[in-house]
Amino acid sequence: MDAYDISYLISYLATRLFIGLLLGLIPFFMAKKKGRKGLGTVALVSSGISLMAAGVLLFLPVWIMFNIIISLKKPKESQLSA
C-alpha cells in the first residue's frame, strides 16, 4: 500500500464518519427536545460509527431504529413543566 492509498482510505472513512454524524444530529435533537440527551448522544455516536464501519446497510437500520425509539418515548417530567 502506498501513500496515495492510505490517504484515500483515511479521507473516505473521515467523509463517511462526518456524514453519519451529520445525519445523526436529527435523532440527537429529537431526543434533546424530549429531555433525553443521553439517548440522543448514543444515537449520534452510533450513527457516525455505523456509517463509517459498515456503510448504508448498517446505518439505515440503526438510524431508523433510534428515530422510532425516540419518537415513541415520552418527554421527561422536567420537560413537561417547562
Foldseek 3Di string as FASTA:
>chain_A
DDPVVVVVLVVVLVVQLVVQLVLLVVLCVLQVLLVNNVLSVVSNNLSSVQCSPPRPVRNVVSNVVSVVVSVPDHRDPVSVVD
